[in-house]
Protein backbone atom coordinates (compact mmCIF):
# COMPACT_ATOMS: atom_id res chain seq x y z
CA MET A 1 83.71 43.17 130.79
CA LEU A 2 82.08 40.69 133.15
CA ILE A 3 80.72 43.28 135.53
CA THR A 4 79.50 45.42 132.13
CA LEU A 5 77.84 42.45 131.01
CA ALA A 6 76.12 41.56 134.36
CA ARG A 7 75.10 45.11 134.72
CA THR A 8 73.46 44.94 130.98
CA VAL A 9 71.51 41.81 131.53
CA LEU A 10 70.20 43.02 134.97
CA LEU A 11 68.79 46.12 133.59
CA TYR A 12 67.48 44.30 130.81
CA ILE A 13 65.78 42.02 132.60
CA LEU A 14 64.40 45.15 134.85
CA VAL A 15 63.14 47.23 131.72
CA VAL A 16 61.20 44.05 130.14
CA ALA A 17 59.80 43.78 133.68
CA THR A 18 58.95 47.37 133.72
CA MET A 19 57.10 47.20 130.42
CA ARG A 20 55.35 44.00 131.37
CA VAL A 21 53.76 46.07 134.44
CA MET A 22 52.73 48.77 132.02
CA GLY A 23 50.68 46.81 129.98
CA LYS A 24 50.19 45.62 126.55
CA ARG A 25 50.17 48.09 124.72
CA GLN A 26 51.83 48.93 120.99
CA ILE A 27 54.17 51.86 121.30
CA GLY A 28 52.01 53.31 118.61
CA GLU A 29 48.93 53.28 120.85
CA LEU A 30 50.73 54.69 124.01
CA GLU A 31 49.30 57.50 125.75
CA PRO A 32 51.31 60.50 125.97
CA TYR A 33 52.32 60.42 129.59
CA GLU A 34 52.91 56.67 128.87
CA LEU A 35 55.42 57.56 125.84
CA ALA A 36 57.01 60.17 128.19
CA ILE A 37 57.64 57.46 131.18
CA THR A 38 58.91 54.91 128.21
CA ILE A 39 61.38 57.27 127.05
CA MET A 40 62.34 58.14 130.70
CA ILE A 41 63.03 54.22 131.48
CA ALA A 42 65.08 53.62 128.57
CA GLU A 43 67.59 56.66 129.38
CA LEU A 44 67.83 55.76 133.19
CA ALA A 45 68.60 52.15 131.96
CA ALA A 46 71.15 53.29 129.30
CA VAL A 47 73.32 55.48 131.62
CA PRO A 48 74.08 53.24 134.32
CA MET A 49 74.89 50.50 131.79
CA GLN A 50 77.19 52.87 130.05
CA ASP A 51 79.03 54.13 132.88
CA ARG A 52 80.02 52.02 135.82
CA GLN A 53 80.94 54.60 137.76
CA ILE A 54 76.96 55.23 138.31
CA PRO A 55 75.83 52.51 141.11
CA LEU A 56 73.49 50.02 139.59
CA VAL A 57 71.15 50.73 142.29
CA ASN A 58 70.35 53.93 141.22
CA GLY A 59 69.00 52.98 137.74
CA PHE A 60 66.85 50.26 139.60
CA VAL A 61 65.27 52.68 141.94
CA SER A 62 64.86 55.33 139.34
CA ILE A 63 63.29 52.69 136.90
CA ILE A 64 61.03 51.17 139.73
CA THR A 65 59.70 54.50 141.05
CA LEU A 66 58.93 55.56 137.42
CA SER A 67 56.86 52.15 136.89
CA PHE A 68 55.25 52.80 140.29
CA ILE A 69 54.16 56.16 139.20
CA GLN A 70 52.63 54.74 135.68
CA VAL A 71 50.88 52.03 137.65
CA CYS A 72 49.35 54.57 140.01
CA LEU A 73 48.15 56.86 137.01
CA SER A 74 46.86 54.08 135.40
CA MET A 75 44.83 53.14 138.02
CA LEU A 76 43.70 56.93 138.48
CA SER A 77 42.71 57.25 134.92
CA LEU A 78 40.89 54.06 135.22
CA LYS A 79 38.56 55.15 138.39
CA SER A 80 38.43 59.13 137.22
CA HIS A 81 37.23 60.39 134.02
CA TRP A 82 38.53 64.09 135.02
CA VAL A 83 42.28 62.04 135.35
CA ARG A 84 41.38 60.66 132.43
CA ASN A 85 41.04 63.78 130.35
CA ILE A 86 44.05 65.55 131.84
CA LEU A 87 46.14 62.58 131.27
CA ASP A 88 44.93 61.28 127.85
CA GLY A 89 42.85 64.40 126.65
CA SER A 90 39.99 63.63 124.48
CA PRO A 91 39.28 62.45 120.56
CA SER A 92 38.73 64.96 118.18
CA ILE A 93 35.98 64.77 115.26
CA VAL A 94 37.94 66.02 112.30
CA ILE A 95 35.73 65.22 109.42
CA ARG A 96 32.02 65.20 109.90
CA SER A 97 29.38 64.18 107.35
CA GLY A 98 32.03 64.66 104.60
CA GLN A 99 33.08 68.38 105.86
CA ILE A 100 36.79 68.77 107.27
CA MET A 101 36.36 70.38 110.73
CA GLU A 102 38.82 73.58 110.46
CA ASP A 103 38.31 74.50 114.30
CA GLU A 104 38.95 70.98 115.68
CA MET A 105 42.02 70.82 113.09
CA ARG A 106 43.48 73.70 114.23
CA ARG A 107 42.86 72.88 118.26
CA ALA A 108 44.44 69.46 117.56
CA ARG A 109 47.30 70.72 115.72
CA TYR A 110 46.65 68.67 112.98
CA ASN A 111 47.35 69.26 109.29
CA LEU A 112 45.68 68.71 106.11
CA SER A 113 48.55 66.69 104.76
CA GLU A 114 48.60 64.28 107.85
CA LEU A 115 44.90 63.99 107.80
CA LEU A 116 44.89 62.92 103.75
CA GLU A 117 47.65 60.60 104.35
CA GLN A 118 45.90 58.49 107.23
CA LEU A 119 42.70 58.62 104.80
CA ARG A 120 44.74 57.01 102.06
CA LEU A 121 46.05 54.39 104.78
CA LYS A 122 42.68 53.78 105.89
CA GLY A 123 41.63 53.09 101.90
CA TYR A 124 39.42 56.79 101.50
CA ALA A 125 41.06 58.77 99.05
CA ASP A 126 38.37 61.38 99.20
CA PRO A 127 37.02 62.98 102.39
CA ALA A 128 33.38 63.53 100.97
CA ALA A 129 33.85 59.34 101.35
CA VAL A 130 33.89 59.80 105.07
CA GLU A 131 31.05 60.06 107.80
CA ILE A 132 32.93 60.66 110.62
CA ALA A 133 36.75 60.62 111.32
CA VAL A 134 38.10 60.84 114.84
CA LEU A 135 41.55 61.67 115.64
CA GLU A 136 42.05 59.79 118.69
CA THR A 137 44.21 60.14 121.91
CA SER A 138 47.00 57.91 120.74
CA GLY A 139 47.12 59.72 117.36
CA ASP A 140 45.57 56.86 115.23
CA LEU A 141 42.51 57.88 113.12
CA SER A 142 39.30 56.31 113.31
CA VAL A 143 37.09 56.38 110.01
CA ILE A 144 33.62 55.36 109.30
CA PRO A 145 32.68 55.63 106.05
CA THR A 146 29.28 56.92 104.66
CA SER A 147 26.63 54.37 104.10
CA GLN A 148 27.11 54.65 100.31
CA HIS A 149 31.21 53.75 100.85
CA ARG A 150 30.99 51.20 103.03
CA PRO A 151 31.76 47.42 101.88
CA VAL A 152 28.85 45.25 101.48
CA THR A 153 28.06 43.09 104.10
CA PRO A 154 25.85 39.63 104.06
CA ALA A 155 23.12 41.93 106.34
CA ASP A 156 23.27 44.63 103.50
CA LEU A 157 22.04 41.72 101.34
CA GLY A 158 19.87 39.93 103.55
CA LEU A 159 21.88 36.60 103.65
CA ASP A 160 21.91 34.36 106.54
CA THR A 161 25.40 33.32 107.89
CA GLN A 162 27.19 30.62 110.12
CA HIS A 163 28.08 31.30 113.76
CA GLU A 164 32.18 31.59 113.52
CA ARG A 165 34.26 31.96 116.22
CA LEU A 166 37.93 32.33 116.91
CA PRO A 167 39.84 29.54 115.10
CA ILE A 168 42.10 28.06 117.68
CA PRO A 169 45.85 26.50 116.59
CA LEU A 170 46.21 22.73 117.92
CA ILE A 171 49.81 22.02 116.33
CA MET A 172 52.46 24.46 115.70
CA ASP A 173 55.78 23.45 114.48
CA GLY A 174 55.36 19.85 115.70
CA ARG A 175 54.52 20.76 119.05
CA LEU A 176 51.06 19.77 120.20
CA MET A 177 49.01 22.69 122.26
CA GLU A 178 47.45 20.69 124.77
CA ASN A 179 45.43 23.65 126.44
CA ASN A 180 44.17 24.52 123.18
CA LEU A 181 42.86 21.04 122.35
CA VAL A 182 40.89 21.21 125.29
CA GLU A 183 39.37 24.58 124.18
CA ALA A 184 38.63 22.84 120.76
CA GLY A 185 36.27 20.40 122.63
CA LEU A 186 38.56 17.58 121.05
CA THR A 187 40.57 14.44 122.65
CA TYR A 188 44.22 13.53 121.74
CA ASP A 189 42.94 10.24 120.38
CA ALA A 190 40.33 12.04 118.19
CA LEU A 191 43.38 14.36 117.22
CA GLN A 192 45.52 11.48 116.00
CA ALA A 193 42.45 9.51 114.45
CA GLU A 194 42.30 12.64 112.02
CA LEU A 195 45.89 12.65 111.38
CA ALA A 196 46.26 9.09 110.60
CA ALA A 197 43.39 9.76 107.98
CA LEU A 198 46.00 12.13 106.45
CA GLY A 199 48.90 9.70 106.67
CA LEU A 200 50.40 11.30 109.27
CA ARG A 201 51.71 9.19 112.47
CA SER A 202 52.02 12.16 115.16
CA PRO A 203 51.90 15.93 115.79
CA SER A 204 55.72 15.89 115.02
CA GLU A 205 55.08 15.62 111.30
CA VAL A 206 52.58 18.40 111.47
CA PHE A 207 53.74 22.10 110.90
CA PHE A 208 50.80 23.50 111.72
CA ALA A 209 46.92 22.37 112.35
CA MET A 210 44.18 24.27 113.44
CA VAL A 211 40.42 24.16 113.91
CA ASP A 212 39.29 27.10 111.85
CA SER A 213 36.21 29.83 112.41
CA VAL A 214 33.60 27.09 111.22
CA GLY A 215 34.97 24.08 113.37
CA LYS A 216 36.99 22.37 110.53
CA LEU A 217 40.25 20.86 111.18
CA ARG A 218 42.82 22.06 109.13
CA VAL A 219 46.36 20.57 108.39
CA GLN A 220 49.80 21.08 107.13
CA ALA A 221 52.56 18.57 106.97
CA ARG A 222 56.05 19.65 107.31
CA SER A 223 56.37 18.43 103.70
CA GLY A 224 54.07 21.41 102.59
CA GLY A 225 50.63 21.27 101.30
CA ALA A 226 47.25 21.90 103.44
CA SER A 227 44.25 19.43 104.04
């Protein structure tokens, strides 16, 4: 029992480390060769986990080998456009100026039902509202609407807007994020003064606090309510 537990823990750690080495992609964004390697790694980890007669080192060697292959292929795809086309394929334009490209749909083996479903998920029920739709190599559909169907922006209205930055969390569930405090250009004393003005004695009394996109401090105390 303990041996099985130990083997499971070791294989789990190895698989997680391997996934980290492979990069920060979501499952739906994996390229075909990455998905194949991911499935194979899962299978290779499951076999020695279930069968104690198989030496653990066999699973380790196989998983590490696949991880090495994946890293090498990723490096090659970064360096070579030809290799990238072989491994990943190329995007397909399936709608152009509101017209569905039948030949591209057939080449990509992408049917109309899938196309219409993806368009609806993107908020476009009518293909005529789409200027360009691109079926990416990951299988996702990128949609660029026509100028008459895109959301109105401040630029369309000739309005000037403030520069916005990425919001920076400062306190999460009572824990002060010291690195973020420096990035936000605040000192601990300045933050404490802001909290004191809201009747809060320390970060431990704060559920969530952040500097928003326009530089304003927003604080939500543990008891609820936002300031």
